[in-house]
């Protein structure tokens, strides 16, 4: 599972995962993930996964996302420590329509 990028405080997403401050991720139509399975954490495609961490899916749900819809402050913090508006901007950049 690829986690590229940096949070507003300068920490990478992978650093936040390792510290336990990034506990959610949203993906567009990524039906390949399964509850209970573990996945490597990678900085990019064709980059070897981090040797000291894996992610285990404990919950998967669907959301309908429309540009301009903001996630809750609680969920934005679980994503990367963003405000809902910052998260919307990054989500749109990473997932262009």
N, C-alpha and C. Protein backbone atom coordinates (compact mmCIF):
# COMPACT_ATOMS: atom_id res chain seq x y z
N UNK A 1 0.86 -1.16 0.00
CA UNK A 1 0.00 0.00 0.00
C UNK A 1 0.91 1.23 0.00
N UNK A 2 0.71 2.11 -0.93
CA UNK A 2 1.59 3.27 -1.11
C UNK A 2 1.14 4.44 -0.26
N UNK A 3 2.10 5.01 0.47
CA UNK A 3 1.88 6.21 1.28
C UNK A 3 3.00 7.20 0.96
N UNK A 4 2.79 7.98 -0.06
CA UNK A 4 3.76 9.02 -0.40
C UNK A 4 3.22 10.33 0.14
N UNK A 5 4.07 11.24 0.37
CA UNK A 5 3.59 12.54 0.80
C UNK A 5 3.98 12.88 2.21
N UNK A 6 3.68 14.11 2.54
CA UNK A 6 4.06 14.68 3.82
C UNK A 6 2.87 15.41 4.41
N UNK A 7 2.75 15.33 5.71
CA UNK A 7 1.67 16.02 6.42
C UNK A 7 2.02 17.48 6.64
N UNK A 8 1.04 18.29 7.03
CA UNK A 8 1.30 19.72 7.24
C UNK A 8 2.42 20.01 8.24
N UNK A 9 2.65 19.09 9.18
CA UNK A 9 3.70 19.32 10.17
C UNK A 9 5.08 18.87 9.70
N UNK A 10 5.19 18.38 8.46
CA UNK A 10 6.48 17.99 7.89
C UNK A 10 6.81 16.52 8.02
N UNK A 11 6.02 15.75 8.77
CA UNK A 11 6.27 14.32 8.89
C UNK A 11 5.70 13.60 7.67
N UNK A 12 6.38 12.54 7.24
CA UNK A 12 5.85 11.74 6.14
C UNK A 12 4.67 10.93 6.66
N UNK A 13 3.85 10.47 5.73
CA UNK A 13 2.70 9.64 6.11
C UNK A 13 3.18 8.37 6.79
N UNK A 14 4.28 7.80 6.30
CA UNK A 14 4.81 6.57 6.90
C UNK A 14 5.28 6.82 8.33
N UNK A 15 5.91 7.94 8.59
CA UNK A 15 6.31 8.28 9.96
C UNK A 15 5.08 8.35 10.87
N UNK A 16 4.01 8.94 10.36
CA UNK A 16 2.78 9.05 11.15
C UNK A 16 2.15 7.67 11.39
N UNK A 17 2.21 6.78 10.42
CA UNK A 17 1.70 5.42 10.61
C UNK A 17 2.51 4.74 11.71
N UNK A 18 3.82 4.84 11.64
CA UNK A 18 4.69 4.20 12.64
C UNK A 18 4.43 4.74 14.05
N UNK A 19 4.12 6.02 14.16
CA UNK A 19 3.86 6.63 15.47
C UNK A 19 2.42 6.37 15.94
N UNK A 20 1.57 5.88 15.03
CA UNK A 20 0.18 5.61 15.39
C UNK A 20 -0.72 6.82 15.31
N UNK A 21 -0.26 7.90 14.65
CA UNK A 21 -1.09 9.09 14.53
C UNK A 21 -1.83 9.15 13.19
N UNK A 22 -1.49 8.28 12.25
CA UNK A 22 -2.28 8.12 11.02
C UNK A 22 -2.90 6.75 11.10
N UNK A 23 -4.21 6.70 11.32
CA UNK A 23 -4.88 5.43 11.54
C UNK A 23 -5.99 5.14 10.54
N UNK A 24 -6.17 6.03 9.56
CA UNK A 24 -7.16 5.81 8.50
C UNK A 24 -6.52 6.15 7.17
N UNK A 25 -7.04 5.52 6.13
CA UNK A 25 -6.67 5.90 4.77
C UNK A 25 -7.89 5.72 3.88
N UNK A 26 -8.02 6.59 2.92
CA UNK A 26 -9.12 6.49 1.96
C UNK A 26 -8.53 6.21 0.59
N UNK A 27 -9.17 5.28 -0.12
CA UNK A 27 -8.73 4.89 -1.46
C UNK A 27 -9.95 4.89 -2.37
N UNK A 28 -9.74 5.23 -3.63
CA UNK A 28 -10.84 5.23 -4.60
C UNK A 28 -10.95 3.84 -5.22
N UNK A 29 -12.08 3.20 -5.02
CA UNK A 29 -12.40 1.91 -5.64
C UNK A 29 -11.22 0.95 -5.61
N UNK A 30 -10.74 0.67 -4.45
CA UNK A 30 -9.60 -0.25 -4.30
C UNK A 30 -10.09 -1.56 -3.72
N UNK A 31 -10.87 -2.31 -4.47
CA UNK A 31 -11.48 -3.54 -3.99
C UNK A 31 -10.52 -4.67 -3.70
N UNK A 32 -9.23 -4.42 -3.82
CA UNK A 32 -8.26 -5.50 -3.61
C UNK A 32 -7.95 -5.74 -2.14
N UNK A 33 -8.37 -4.86 -1.26
CA UNK A 33 -8.04 -4.99 0.15
C UNK A 33 -9.08 -5.83 0.87
N UNK A 34 -8.63 -6.61 1.87
CA UNK A 34 -9.51 -7.52 2.61
C UNK A 34 -9.30 -7.35 4.11
N UNK A 35 -10.38 -7.40 4.86
CA UNK A 35 -10.31 -7.32 6.31
C UNK A 35 -9.49 -8.49 6.85
N UNK A 36 -8.59 -8.18 7.77
CA UNK A 36 -7.76 -9.21 8.39
C UNK A 36 -6.45 -9.49 7.67
N UNK A 37 -6.31 -9.01 6.46
CA UNK A 37 -5.07 -9.21 5.71
C UNK A 37 -4.08 -8.10 6.05
N UNK A 38 -2.79 -8.42 5.96
CA UNK A 38 -1.78 -7.39 6.21
C UNK A 38 -1.13 -6.98 4.89
N UNK A 39 -0.74 -5.73 4.84
CA UNK A 39 -0.19 -5.14 3.61
C UNK A 39 1.09 -4.38 3.92
N UNK A 40 2.04 -4.45 3.00
CA UNK A 40 3.28 -3.71 3.18
C UNK A 40 3.01 -2.22 3.04
N UNK A 41 3.87 -1.43 3.63
CA UNK A 41 3.79 0.03 3.56
C UNK A 41 4.95 0.49 2.69
N UNK A 42 4.63 1.15 1.57
CA UNK A 42 5.64 1.55 0.60
C UNK A 42 5.62 3.05 0.37
N UNK A 43 6.79 3.61 0.04
CA UNK A 43 6.88 5.04 -0.28
C UNK A 43 6.42 5.32 -1.70
N UNK A 44 6.44 4.32 -2.56
CA UNK A 44 6.04 4.52 -3.94
C UNK A 44 5.95 3.19 -4.67
N UNK A 45 5.40 3.25 -5.87
CA UNK A 45 5.29 2.05 -6.70
C UNK A 45 6.69 1.56 -7.05
N UNK A 46 6.86 0.25 -7.05
CA UNK A 46 8.13 -0.39 -7.34
C UNK A 46 9.22 -0.04 -6.32
N UNK A 47 8.79 0.37 -5.12
CA UNK A 47 9.72 0.62 -4.02
C UNK A 47 9.45 -0.46 -2.99
N UNK A 48 10.51 -1.08 -2.49
CA UNK A 48 10.36 -2.13 -1.49
C UNK A 48 9.64 -1.60 -0.26
N UNK A 49 8.79 -2.42 0.32
CA UNK A 49 8.04 -2.03 1.50
C UNK A 49 8.95 -1.81 2.71
N UNK A 50 8.47 -1.01 3.64
CA UNK A 50 9.20 -0.78 4.89
C UNK A 50 9.35 -2.11 5.62
N UNK A 51 10.52 -2.38 6.15
CA UNK A 51 10.78 -3.68 6.79
C UNK A 51 10.21 -3.79 8.20
N UNK A 52 9.90 -2.66 8.82
CA UNK A 52 9.51 -2.70 10.22
C UNK A 52 8.03 -2.43 10.47
N UNK A 53 7.21 -2.43 9.42
CA UNK A 53 5.79 -2.15 9.63
C UNK A 53 4.95 -2.74 8.51
N UNK A 54 3.77 -3.21 8.89
CA UNK A 54 2.74 -3.65 7.94
C UNK A 54 1.41 -3.12 8.45
N UNK A 55 0.45 -2.99 7.57
CA UNK A 55 -0.89 -2.53 7.94
C UNK A 55 -1.84 -3.71 7.88
N UNK A 56 -2.70 -3.85 8.89
CA UNK A 56 -3.74 -4.87 8.88
C UNK A 56 -5.08 -4.14 8.80
N UNK A 57 -5.87 -4.50 7.82
CA UNK A 57 -7.19 -3.90 7.66
C UNK A 57 -8.13 -4.45 8.72
N UNK A 58 -8.70 -3.57 9.54
CA UNK A 58 -9.66 -4.04 10.53
C UNK A 58 -11.08 -3.57 10.20
N UNK A 59 -11.20 -2.67 9.24
CA UNK A 59 -12.52 -2.20 8.84
C UNK A 59 -12.41 -1.60 7.44
N UNK A 60 -13.37 -1.90 6.61
CA UNK A 60 -13.44 -1.31 5.27
C UNK A 60 -14.87 -0.86 5.06
N UNK A 61 -15.06 0.36 4.57
CA UNK A 61 -16.40 0.87 4.30
C UNK A 61 -16.37 1.72 3.04
N UNK A 62 -17.54 1.94 2.50
CA UNK A 62 -17.69 2.76 1.29
C UNK A 62 -18.22 4.13 1.67
N UNK A 63 -17.74 5.13 0.98
CA UNK A 63 -18.24 6.49 1.13
C UNK A 63 -18.47 7.06 -0.25
N UNK A 64 -19.45 7.89 -0.36
CA UNK A 64 -19.64 8.65 -1.59
C UNK A 64 -19.01 10.01 -1.35
N UNK A 65 -18.05 10.35 -2.19
CA UNK A 65 -17.32 11.61 -2.01
C UNK A 65 -17.61 12.53 -3.18
N UNK A 66 -18.01 13.73 -2.86
CA UNK A 66 -18.21 14.76 -3.87
C UNK A 66 -17.27 15.91 -3.54
N UNK A 67 -16.67 16.49 -4.56
CA UNK A 67 -15.80 17.64 -4.33
C UNK A 67 -16.59 18.69 -3.56
N UNK A 68 -15.99 19.21 -2.53
CA UNK A 68 -16.66 20.19 -1.69
C UNK A 68 -17.23 19.60 -0.41
N UNK A 69 -17.42 18.26 -0.40
CA UNK A 69 -17.85 17.59 0.84
C UNK A 69 -16.64 17.45 1.74
N UNK A 70 -16.74 17.92 2.95
CA UNK A 70 -15.63 17.83 3.87
C UNK A 70 -15.83 16.67 4.84
N UNK A 71 -14.75 15.95 5.15
CA UNK A 71 -14.84 14.91 6.16
C UNK A 71 -14.83 15.57 7.54
N UNK A 72 -15.15 14.81 8.55
CA UNK A 72 -15.21 15.37 9.90
C UNK A 72 -13.79 15.73 10.39
N UNK A 73 -13.73 16.61 11.36
CA UNK A 73 -12.43 16.98 11.94
C UNK A 73 -11.76 15.74 12.53
N UNK A 74 -12.52 14.87 13.18
CA UNK A 74 -11.97 13.66 13.78
C UNK A 74 -11.35 12.76 12.72
N UNK A 75 -12.05 12.54 11.60
CA UNK A 75 -11.51 11.70 10.53
C UNK A 75 -10.33 12.37 9.84
N UNK A 76 -10.35 13.67 9.67
CA UNK A 76 -9.22 14.38 9.05
C UNK A 76 -7.97 14.21 9.90
N UNK A 77 -8.11 14.25 11.22
CA UNK A 77 -6.97 14.05 12.10
C UNK A 77 -6.44 12.62 12.00
N UNK A 78 -7.33 11.64 11.86
CA UNK A 78 -6.90 10.25 11.74
C UNK A 78 -6.21 9.99 10.41
N UNK A 79 -6.54 10.77 9.41
CA UNK A 79 -5.91 10.61 8.09
C UNK A 79 -4.44 11.03 8.13
N UNK A 80 -4.17 12.22 8.58
CA UNK A 80 -2.79 12.71 8.58
C UNK A 80 -2.58 13.92 9.46
N UNK A 81 -3.56 14.29 10.21
CA UNK A 81 -3.42 15.49 11.03
C UNK A 81 -3.81 16.75 10.29
N UNK A 82 -4.65 16.60 9.29
CA UNK A 82 -5.10 17.75 8.52
C UNK A 82 -6.35 18.37 9.13
N UNK A 83 -6.66 19.56 8.66
CA UNK A 83 -8.01 20.10 8.86
C UNK A 83 -8.87 19.48 7.75
N UNK A 84 -10.19 19.48 7.88
CA UNK A 84 -11.02 18.95 6.81
C UNK A 84 -10.75 19.63 5.46
N UNK A 85 -10.53 20.93 5.45
CA UNK A 85 -10.26 21.65 4.19
C UNK A 85 -8.92 21.22 3.59
N UNK A 86 -7.88 21.10 4.43
CA UNK A 86 -6.57 20.65 3.93
C UNK A 86 -6.69 19.25 3.34
N UNK A 87 -7.42 18.38 4.04
CA UNK A 87 -7.59 17.02 3.54
C UNK A 87 -8.29 17.01 2.18
N UNK A 88 -9.32 17.80 2.04
CA UNK A 88 -10.04 17.89 0.77
C UNK A 88 -9.10 18.28 -0.37
N UNK A 89 -8.25 19.26 -0.12
CA UNK A 89 -7.31 19.72 -1.15
C UNK A 89 -6.34 18.61 -1.54
N UNK A 90 -5.79 17.91 -0.56
CA UNK A 90 -4.84 16.83 -0.84
C UNK A 90 -5.54 15.65 -1.52
N UNK A 91 -6.73 15.29 -1.04
CA UNK A 91 -7.47 14.19 -1.64
C UNK A 91 -7.76 14.47 -3.11
N UNK A 92 -8.18 15.66 -3.42
CA UNK A 92 -8.48 16.05 -4.80
C UNK A 92 -7.22 16.02 -5.66
N UNK A 93 -6.10 16.45 -5.10
CA UNK A 93 -4.83 16.42 -5.84
C UNK A 93 -4.40 14.98 -6.13
N UNK A 94 -4.54 14.08 -5.15
CA UNK A 94 -4.12 12.70 -5.31
C UNK A 94 -5.09 11.88 -6.15
N UNK A 95 -6.33 12.32 -6.21
CA UNK A 95 -7.38 11.57 -6.92
C UNK A 95 -8.13 12.49 -7.87
N UNK A 96 -7.47 12.94 -8.93
CA UNK A 96 -8.14 13.86 -9.85
C UNK A 96 -9.33 13.16 -10.54
N UNK A 97 -10.37 13.94 -10.79
CA UNK A 97 -11.58 13.37 -11.43
C UNK A 97 -11.47 13.41 -12.91
